[in-house]
Amino acid sequence: MPPTDAETFDYVIVGAGSAGCVLANRLTADGRHRVLLLEFGGSDRSIFIQMPAALAYPMNTTRWNWRYESEPEPHLNNRRLHCPRGKGLGGSSSINGLVYVRGNPLDFEHWQEQGARGWGYANVLPYFKRAETRLEGGNAYRGGDGPLSTTYGTLDNPLHHAWMEAARQAGYQLTEDYNGFRQEGFGRMDMTVRNGERCSSAKAHLYDAVKRPNLQVVQHALATRILFDGTRAVGVEYERGGTLHTVRAGREVILSGGPINSVQLLKLSGIGPAQELAGHGIPVLADRAGVGANLQDHLEFYFQMACTSRSPCSAMPTCWARPGSASNGCCAARAWARPTTLNPAVSSAAAPASAIPISSTTSSRWPSITMAPRSPPSMASKPTSGRCARKAVARSRCAVPIRATRR
């Protein structure tokens, strides 16, 4: 049952995604604090989310995906790029490719060198281990009793072995565990899977926590504004069923809606570039030029090659014919390469699959997908650019920086 208007919790968390589920679990574990978790999406208890091999379904439906897209990319023939973001319990961890990859150790070392004390690899490694249960067992680098289950993909397709053997013959290293001693090299892929099902952040952290009397989860709740007393955040305004509600936070308001939605909410609440906010009639609470700027995302592209073997190389017939094969995601083998003297920054994966031939004219570009949220404000910007978009648009876009428009 939703909270009453102006009801007070110790913590109000906006977004039940990868981070929000963890926070809801940890903040209610000792029973001392009341927590409200707001999520715009709905349940994740669908076979299309829970079955790893069905991952393409939730990623391509507005039920579980915000369906954001970029503004036209000038260096990609002005194409708009799909930027999937999860909508529902578990957030993006409920629709992603189930790939479990830790940050490269040198990234953390670089952060510490730049002044982020306590963020070196030796500092964060115990927390990576504490968070994980690895099916193959824990060791100096991997955890054995944490809430998030991981396991290797099953290399039961001959193309996986051919791909890794080709890498070895080409002079590349093989790595036993890219989340362990050495990330660089070709090897098996770690997946967030438990007992053949997707282990999302919701399954790992929220399923048990939601049974606690001090945690309340409200679905289909769209946060529209952070409430302030002066410069202190004291609550959240949200819409549910066409009605606006308010809820108060005695301790903290926590935004965990991801790098797009959290930024949008900040701007709608008056925190962001003053000139942009004023142009949309939003009172400026804090002029912060960096809000909505400098998002970095990875670009994914495909090399598609036909299999010359007459053996059953396709992943889909294998998936449906053999029990347990549906527990595999799209890839079971992965590689990390070092294009410069810095840490590995280029990743590739092998994904055997059935394919329907298409003409070269249609395969040369991604389809343009537009998403209009049920209750805009809008967002617009240019990906890979630090410049503000010149105008806001009527529909949401995935991009950097992010613009906000009042409803």
Protein backbone atom coordinates (compact mmCIF):
# COMPACT_ATOMS: atom_id res chain seq x y z
CA MET A 1 0.00 0.00 0.00
CA PRO A 2 1.47 3.41 -0.95
CA PRO A 3 2.47 5.74 1.88
CA THR A 4 0.13 8.53 2.91
CA ASP A 5 0.91 12.05 1.70
CA ALA A 6 3.65 13.74 3.71
CA GLU A 7 4.48 10.47 5.50
CA THR A 8 8.05 10.50 6.81
CA PHE A 9 10.67 7.81 6.29
CA ASP A 10 14.29 7.86 7.36
CA TYR A 11 15.47 7.34 3.79
CA VAL A 12 13.68 7.85 0.48
CA ILE A 13 15.39 6.07 -2.44
CA VAL A 14 14.42 7.04 -6.00
CA GLY A 15 15.00 4.14 -8.40
CA ALA A 16 14.96 0.39 -7.68
CA GLY A 17 17.76 -0.44 -10.09
CA SER A 18 21.23 -1.87 -9.64
CA ALA A 19 22.17 0.59 -6.88
CA GLY A 20 18.73 1.21 -5.38
CA CYS A 21 18.15 -2.46 -4.56
CA VAL A 22 21.52 -2.67 -2.79
CA LEU A 23 20.78 0.46 -0.77
CA ALA A 24 17.30 -0.73 0.20
CA ASN A 25 18.78 -4.00 1.44
CA ARG A 26 21.69 -2.52 3.38
CA LEU A 27 19.78 0.38 4.96
CA THR A 28 17.03 -1.88 6.33
CA ALA A 29 19.21 -4.80 7.39
CA ASP A 30 19.53 -3.84 11.08
CA GLY A 31 15.85 -2.88 11.44
CA ARG A 32 16.55 0.60 12.80
CA HIS A 33 15.52 2.69 9.80
CA ARG A 34 12.34 3.00 7.74
CA VAL A 35 13.04 3.12 4.00
CA LEU A 36 10.81 3.97 1.05
CA LEU A 37 11.91 2.73 -2.39
CA LEU A 38 10.21 4.41 -5.38
CA GLU A 39 10.30 2.77 -8.82
CA PHE A 40 8.53 3.91 -12.00
CA GLY A 41 8.55 0.45 -13.58
CA GLY A 42 6.85 -2.70 -12.39
CA SER A 43 7.61 -6.31 -11.54
CA ASP A 44 10.58 -8.21 -12.92
CA ARG A 45 8.95 -11.63 -12.43
CA SER A 46 8.67 -12.55 -16.09
CA ILE A 47 10.23 -15.48 -17.93
CA PHE A 48 11.66 -13.00 -20.44
CA ILE A 49 13.67 -11.32 -17.69
CA GLN A 50 14.52 -14.40 -15.67
CA MET A 51 15.67 -16.59 -18.59
CA PRO A 52 19.16 -15.43 -19.66
CA ALA A 53 18.77 -16.55 -23.28
CA ALA A 54 15.67 -14.34 -23.63
CA LEU A 55 17.56 -11.12 -22.87
CA ALA A 56 16.66 -9.53 -26.23
CA TYR A 57 12.99 -9.36 -25.25
CA PRO A 58 13.10 -7.05 -22.20
CA MET A 59 15.75 -4.89 -23.85
CA ASN A 60 13.44 -4.16 -26.77
CA THR A 61 10.14 -3.37 -25.10
CA THR A 62 8.93 -0.20 -23.41
CA ARG A 63 7.59 -2.28 -20.53
CA TRP A 64 11.11 -2.77 -19.17
CA ASN A 65 13.24 -0.31 -21.15
CA TRP A 66 13.04 3.49 -21.24
CA ARG A 67 14.12 3.20 -24.90
CA TYR A 68 16.33 6.30 -24.85
CA GLU A 69 18.27 7.22 -27.94
CA SER A 70 21.04 9.67 -28.70
CA GLU A 71 20.84 12.84 -30.70
CA PRO A 72 22.22 12.45 -34.27
CA GLU A 73 25.92 11.56 -34.01
CA PRO A 74 27.97 13.74 -36.39
CA HIS A 75 30.79 11.19 -36.59
CA LEU A 76 28.43 8.25 -37.23
CA ASN A 77 26.62 9.60 -40.30
CA ASN A 78 24.12 11.37 -37.99
CA ARG A 79 22.64 8.10 -36.78
CA ARG A 80 20.73 7.97 -33.51
CA LEU A 81 22.05 5.28 -31.18
CA HIS A 82 19.91 3.13 -28.93
CA CYS A 83 20.74 3.60 -25.24
CA PRO A 84 18.82 0.99 -23.22
CA ARG A 85 18.04 1.80 -19.58
CA GLY A 86 16.12 -0.58 -17.37
CA LYS A 87 12.62 0.25 -16.10
CA GLY A 88 11.31 -2.00 -13.34
CA LEU A 89 12.64 -3.77 -10.27
CA GLY A 90 16.33 -4.44 -10.82
CA GLY A 91 16.64 -1.62 -13.37
CA SER A 92 19.25 -2.21 -16.04
CA SER A 93 20.46 -5.35 -14.24
CA SER A 94 17.12 -6.92 -15.26
CA ILE A 95 17.56 -6.26 -19.00
CA ASN A 96 21.30 -6.24 -19.64
CA GLY A 97 23.47 -8.93 -21.23
CA LEU A 98 24.27 -10.48 -17.79
CA VAL A 99 27.99 -9.72 -18.26
CA TYR A 100 29.88 -9.43 -14.97
CA VAL A 101 32.97 -7.27 -15.45
CA ARG A 102 34.78 -5.37 -12.72
CA GLY A 103 36.63 -2.16 -13.41
CA ASN A 104 40.24 -2.60 -14.43
CA PRO A 105 42.60 -2.41 -11.41
CA LEU A 106 44.62 0.37 -13.05
CA ASP A 107 41.48 2.53 -13.23
CA PHE A 108 41.17 2.44 -9.45
CA GLU A 109 44.88 3.10 -9.03
CA HIS A 110 44.58 6.11 -11.34
CA TRP A 111 41.66 7.48 -9.33
CA GLN A 112 43.73 7.25 -6.16
CA GLU A 113 46.66 8.98 -7.83
CA GLN A 114 44.32 11.82 -8.72
CA GLY A 115 43.29 12.25 -5.10
CA ALA A 116 40.47 9.76 -4.49
CA ARG A 117 41.97 8.34 -1.31
CA GLY A 118 40.66 4.92 -0.36
CA TRP A 119 39.68 4.04 -3.95
CA GLY A 120 42.80 2.11 -4.95
CA TYR A 121 42.36 -1.46 -6.14
CA ALA A 122 43.51 -2.92 -2.81
CA ASN A 123 40.83 -0.82 -1.09
CA VAL A 124 37.90 -1.86 -3.30
CA LEU A 125 38.81 -5.53 -3.83
CA PRO A 126 37.44 -6.69 -0.44
CA TYR A 127 34.07 -5.15 -1.34
CA PHE A 128 33.99 -6.83 -4.73
CA LYS A 129 34.60 -10.14 -2.97
CA ARG A 130 32.04 -9.41 -0.26
CA ALA A 131 29.35 -8.72 -2.87
CA GLU A 132 29.79 -11.94 -4.86
CA THR A 133 29.19 -15.66 -4.71
CA ARG A 134 31.11 -17.29 -7.53
CA LEU A 135 29.84 -20.71 -8.51
CA GLU A 136 33.40 -21.86 -9.24
CA GLY A 137 34.45 -20.85 -5.70
CA GLY A 138 36.14 -17.92 -4.03
CA ASN A 139 39.85 -17.17 -4.02
CA ALA A 140 42.18 -14.23 -3.51
CA TYR A 141 40.24 -12.19 -6.05
CA ARG A 142 36.73 -13.68 -6.08
CA GLY A 143 34.03 -13.93 -3.46
CA GLY A 144 32.28 -17.05 -2.19
CA ASP A 145 29.45 -15.95 0.09
CA GLY A 146 28.00 -12.67 -1.23
CA PRO A 147 24.46 -11.92 -2.45
CA LEU A 148 25.25 -11.61 -6.19
CA SER A 149 25.71 -14.94 -7.94
CA THR A 150 28.16 -15.25 -10.84
CA THR A 151 29.27 -18.15 -13.00
CA TYR A 152 31.16 -18.85 -16.19
CA GLY A 153 29.24 -19.14 -19.43
CA THR A 154 29.08 -22.66 -20.81
CA LEU A 155 31.42 -23.08 -23.77
CA ASP A 156 29.30 -25.75 -25.42
CA ASN A 157 29.33 -24.21 -28.88
CA PRO A 158 32.26 -25.17 -31.16
CA LEU A 159 32.56 -21.57 -32.35
CA HIS A 160 33.54 -20.42 -28.87
CA HIS A 161 36.53 -22.75 -28.87
CA ALA A 162 37.42 -21.83 -32.46
CA TRP A 163 37.37 -18.16 -31.54
CA MET A 164 39.71 -18.59 -28.57
CA GLU A 165 42.02 -20.91 -30.49
CA ALA A 166 42.23 -18.37 -33.29
CA ALA A 167 43.21 -15.73 -30.72
CA ARG A 168 45.95 -17.98 -29.33
CA GLN A 169 47.32 -18.65 -32.81
CA ALA A 170 47.32 -14.92 -33.50
CA GLY A 171 49.57 -14.36 -30.49
CA TYR A 172 47.05 -13.08 -27.95
CA GLN A 173 47.12 -14.17 -24.33
CA LEU A 174 44.47 -16.38 -22.78
CA THR A 175 43.23 -15.46 -19.32
CA GLU A 176 41.73 -17.88 -16.86
CA ASP A 177 39.65 -15.16 -15.17
CA TYR A 178 39.33 -11.59 -16.43
CA ASN A 179 37.95 -10.55 -13.02
CA GLY A 180 40.93 -12.15 -11.30
CA PHE A 181 44.69 -11.82 -11.59
CA ARG A 182 44.80 -10.54 -15.18
CA GLN A 183 42.00 -8.92 -17.13
CA GLU A 184 43.79 -8.70 -20.46
CA GLY A 185 43.36 -11.68 -22.77
CA PHE A 186 40.76 -14.07 -24.19
CA GLY A 187 38.73 -16.33 -21.93
CA ARG A 188 35.40 -17.41 -20.54
CA MET A 189 32.81 -14.78 -19.70
CA ASP A 190 31.39 -14.27 -16.22
CA MET A 191 27.61 -14.03 -16.07
CA THR A 192 25.21 -12.94 -13.31
CA VAL A 193 23.27 -16.22 -13.23
CA ARG A 194 21.94 -18.28 -10.31
CA ASN A 195 20.48 -21.75 -10.78
CA GLY A 196 20.00 -21.10 -14.48
CA GLU A 197 18.15 -17.79 -13.96
CA ARG A 198 19.22 -14.14 -14.19
CA CYS A 199 20.61 -12.88 -10.90
CA SER A 200 19.67 -9.21 -11.10
CA SER A 201 20.21 -6.69 -8.33
CA ALA A 202 16.55 -7.21 -7.38
CA LYS A 203 17.04 -10.96 -6.98
CA ALA A 204 20.36 -10.56 -5.20
CA HIS A 205 19.32 -7.81 -2.77
CA LEU A 206 15.61 -6.94 -2.84
CA TYR A 207 13.67 -10.22 -2.86
CA ASP A 208 14.50 -11.01 0.77
CA ALA A 209 14.70 -7.40 1.96
CA VAL A 210 11.16 -6.58 0.81
CA LYS A 211 9.82 -8.96 3.46
CA ARG A 212 11.09 -6.63 6.20
CA PRO A 213 8.47 -4.41 7.88
CA ASN A 214 10.75 -1.36 7.70
CA LEU A 215 11.00 -1.40 3.88
CA GLN A 216 8.21 -0.19 1.62
CA VAL A 217 8.47 -0.50 -2.18
CA VAL A 218 6.13 1.55 -4.36
CA GLN A 219 6.04 0.64 -8.07
CA HIS A 220 4.74 2.78 -10.96
CA ALA A 221 5.84 5.91 -9.09
CA LEU A 222 7.47 8.60 -11.25
CA ALA A 223 9.58 11.04 -9.21
CA THR A 224 8.97 14.57 -10.48
CA ARG A 225 10.79 16.82 -8.00
CA ILE A 226 13.05 16.80 -4.96
CA LEU A 227 11.60 18.85 -2.08
CA PHE A 228 13.93 21.26 -0.29
CA ASP A 229 13.94 23.22 2.94
CA GLY A 230 16.38 25.94 1.95
CA THR A 231 19.26 23.97 0.48
CA ARG A 232 18.51 20.74 2.35
CA ALA A 233 16.66 17.92 0.57
CA VAL A 234 13.73 16.88 2.77
CA GLY A 235 11.50 14.82 0.52
CA VAL A 236 10.29 13.79 -2.93
CA GLU A 237 7.27 14.61 -5.05
CA TYR A 238 6.11 11.75 -7.26
CA GLU A 239 3.25 10.87 -9.57
CA ARG A 240 1.33 7.63 -9.35
CA GLY A 241 -1.89 6.85 -11.15
CA GLY A 242 -2.19 10.42 -12.41
CA THR A 243 -2.02 11.90 -8.89
CA LEU A 244 0.86 13.82 -7.32
CA HIS A 245 2.07 12.69 -3.89
CA THR A 246 4.74 13.90 -1.50
CA VAL A 247 6.83 11.95 0.95
CA ARG A 248 9.33 13.24 3.51
CA ALA A 249 12.82 12.01 4.39
CA GLY A 250 14.07 12.43 7.94
CA ARG A 251 17.66 11.56 7.08
CA GLU A 252 18.42 11.45 3.34
CA VAL A 253 16.96 11.53 -0.14
CA ILE A 254 18.98 9.13 -2.32
CA LEU A 255 18.89 9.30 -6.12
CA SER A 256 19.64 5.97 -7.79
CA GLY A 257 17.80 6.37 -11.06
CA GLY A 258 20.95 6.02 -13.14
CA PRO A 259 23.09 8.53 -15.06
CA ILE A 260 20.15 9.82 -17.14
CA ASN A 261 17.08 9.85 -14.90
CA SER A 262 18.87 11.05 -11.76
CA VAL A 263 20.36 13.98 -13.66
CA GLN A 264 16.96 14.82 -15.11
CA LEU A 265 15.43 14.86 -11.63
CA LEU A 266 18.19 17.14 -10.33
CA LYS A 267 17.53 19.63 -13.10
CA LEU A 268 13.77 19.55 -12.58
CA SER A 269 14.50 20.31 -8.92
CA GLY A 270 16.59 23.39 -9.73
CA ILE A 271 20.10 21.93 -9.62
CA GLY A 272 22.05 22.36 -12.85
CA PRO A 273 23.23 25.01 -15.33
CA ALA A 274 21.37 28.19 -14.34
CA GLN A 275 20.86 29.50 -17.87
CA GLU A 276 19.35 26.24 -19.07
CA LEU A 277 17.02 25.90 -16.08
CA ALA A 278 15.87 29.49 -16.33
CA GLY A 279 15.06 28.97 -19.99
CA HIS A 280 12.54 26.30 -18.95
CA GLY A 281 11.06 28.31 -16.12
CA ILE A 282 12.66 26.21 -13.38
CA PRO A 283 13.73 28.22 -10.30
CA VAL A 284 17.48 27.84 -9.79
CA LEU A 285 18.42 26.38 -6.43
CA ALA A 286 22.07 25.66 -7.25
CA ASP A 287 23.95 26.71 -10.41
CA ARG A 288 25.97 23.62 -11.29
CA ALA A 289 27.31 23.55 -14.85
CA GLY A 290 28.55 19.95 -14.54
CA VAL A 291 25.09 18.44 -13.93
CA GLY A 292 24.20 16.55 -17.11
CA ALA A 293 27.61 16.87 -18.73
CA ASN A 294 30.48 14.53 -19.54
CA LEU A 295 28.67 11.18 -19.49
CA GLN A 296 30.89 8.49 -21.02
CA ASP A 297 29.36 5.36 -22.47
CA HIS A 298 30.82 2.52 -24.48
CA LEU A 299 30.08 2.08 -28.16
CA GLU A 300 29.08 -1.41 -29.27
CA PHE A 301 29.36 -2.61 -32.84
CA TYR A 302 29.26 -5.97 -34.58
CA PHE A 303 31.31 -7.97 -37.05
CA GLN A 304 29.06 -10.63 -38.55
CA MET A 305 30.55 -13.67 -40.27
CA ALA A 306 28.95 -16.79 -41.70
CA CYS A 307 29.91 -20.17 -40.27
CA THR A 308 31.43 -22.47 -42.87
CA SER A 309 30.96 -25.62 -40.81
CA ARG A 310 27.99 -27.95 -41.34
CA SER A 311 27.98 -28.80 -37.64
CA PRO A 312 25.25 -27.29 -35.43
CA CYS A 313 26.99 -23.98 -34.70
CA SER A 314 23.89 -21.88 -34.16
CA ALA A 315 23.23 -20.82 -30.58
CA MET A 316 19.43 -20.74 -30.77
CA PRO A 317 18.73 -24.39 -31.76
CA THR A 318 21.19 -25.42 -29.06
CA CYS A 319 19.40 -23.20 -26.57
CA TRP A 320 16.00 -24.78 -27.04
CA ALA A 321 17.11 -28.37 -27.67
CA ARG A 322 19.22 -29.05 -24.60
CA PRO A 323 18.04 -28.59 -20.98
CA GLY A 324 19.97 -25.84 -19.20
CA SER A 325 21.21 -24.12 -22.34
CA ALA A 326 18.69 -21.29 -21.89
CA SER A 327 20.70 -20.29 -18.81
CA ASN A 328 23.43 -18.94 -21.10
CA GLY A 329 23.39 -15.34 -22.21
CA CYS A 330 24.28 -14.19 -25.70
CA CYS A 331 28.04 -14.60 -25.17
CA ALA A 332 30.10 -17.13 -23.24
CA ALA A 333 33.59 -15.99 -24.24
CA ARG A 334 35.10 -12.53 -24.01
CA ALA A 335 38.39 -10.71 -24.56
CA TRP A 336 40.08 -7.56 -23.33
CA ALA A 337 42.81 -5.90 -25.38
CA ARG A 338 45.32 -3.16 -24.65
CA PRO A 339 45.33 -0.68 -27.58
CA THR A 340 47.86 1.62 -25.86
CA THR A 341 50.27 1.45 -22.97
CA LEU A 342 47.34 2.13 -20.63
CA ASN A 343 45.00 -0.42 -19.12
CA PRO A 344 42.84 -2.65 -21.37
CA ALA A 345 40.08 -0.54 -22.89
CA VAL A 346 38.77 -2.57 -25.84
CA SER A 347 36.51 -5.58 -25.27
CA SER A 348 35.23 -8.14 -27.75
CA ALA A 349 32.93 -11.11 -27.37
CA ALA A 350 31.93 -14.18 -29.34
CA ALA A 351 28.19 -14.63 -29.83
CA PRO A 352 27.20 -17.55 -32.09
CA ALA A 353 23.60 -17.10 -33.21
CA SER A 354 21.05 -17.84 -35.88
CA ALA A 355 20.78 -15.05 -38.45
CA ILE A 356 18.31 -13.96 -41.08
CA PRO A 357 20.08 -12.54 -44.16
CA ILE A 358 19.38 -8.85 -44.75
CA SER A 359 20.47 -6.52 -47.51
CA SER A 360 23.54 -4.35 -47.13
CA THR A 361 21.39 -1.23 -47.39
CA THR A 362 19.39 -2.12 -44.29
CA SER A 363 22.27 -3.49 -42.25
CA SER A 364 24.36 -0.35 -42.56
CA ARG A 365 22.50 1.54 -39.84
CA TRP A 366 20.67 0.97 -36.58
CA PRO A 367 16.93 1.55 -36.49
CA SER A 368 15.91 4.86 -34.95
CA ILE A 369 13.92 4.24 -31.77
CA THR A 370 12.14 7.07 -29.98
CA MET A 371 10.69 6.84 -26.47
CA ALA A 372 8.20 9.30 -24.99
CA PRO A 373 7.90 8.85 -21.22
CA ARG A 374 4.43 8.47 -19.83
CA SER A 375 4.89 11.74 -18.02
CA PRO A 376 7.57 13.96 -19.62
CA PRO A 377 9.79 16.22 -18.81
CA SER A 378 12.14 15.84 -21.72
CA MET A 379 15.85 15.31 -22.09
CA ALA A 380 18.10 16.10 -25.01
CA SER A 381 21.77 16.48 -25.71
CA LYS A 382 24.72 15.41 -27.81
CA PRO A 383 26.54 12.20 -26.84
CA THR A 384 30.34 12.29 -26.62
CA SER A 385 30.18 16.08 -26.39
CA GLY A 386 30.54 18.46 -23.47
CA ARG A 387 28.38 21.08 -25.16
CA CYS A 388 24.77 21.72 -24.20
CA ALA A 389 22.09 20.95 -26.73
CA ARG A 390 20.66 24.13 -28.17
CA LYS A 391 17.08 23.26 -27.43
CA ALA A 392 15.02 20.75 -25.51
CA VAL A 393 12.88 18.34 -27.45
CA ALA A 394 9.42 16.99 -26.81
CA ARG A 395 10.64 13.43 -26.36
CA SER A 396 13.28 11.94 -24.10
CA ARG A 397 16.73 11.30 -25.58
CA CYS A 398 19.70 9.48 -24.17
CA ALA A 399 22.58 11.87 -24.42
CA VAL A 400 25.15 14.08 -22.83
CA PRO A 401 24.59 16.62 -21.41
CA ILE A 402 20.99 16.13 -20.35
CA ARG A 403 18.39 18.88 -20.57
CA ALA A 404 15.27 19.15 -18.48
CA THR A 405 11.88 20.55 -19.47
CA ARG A 406 8.99 21.25 -17.16
CA ARG A 407 5.79 19.35 -17.74
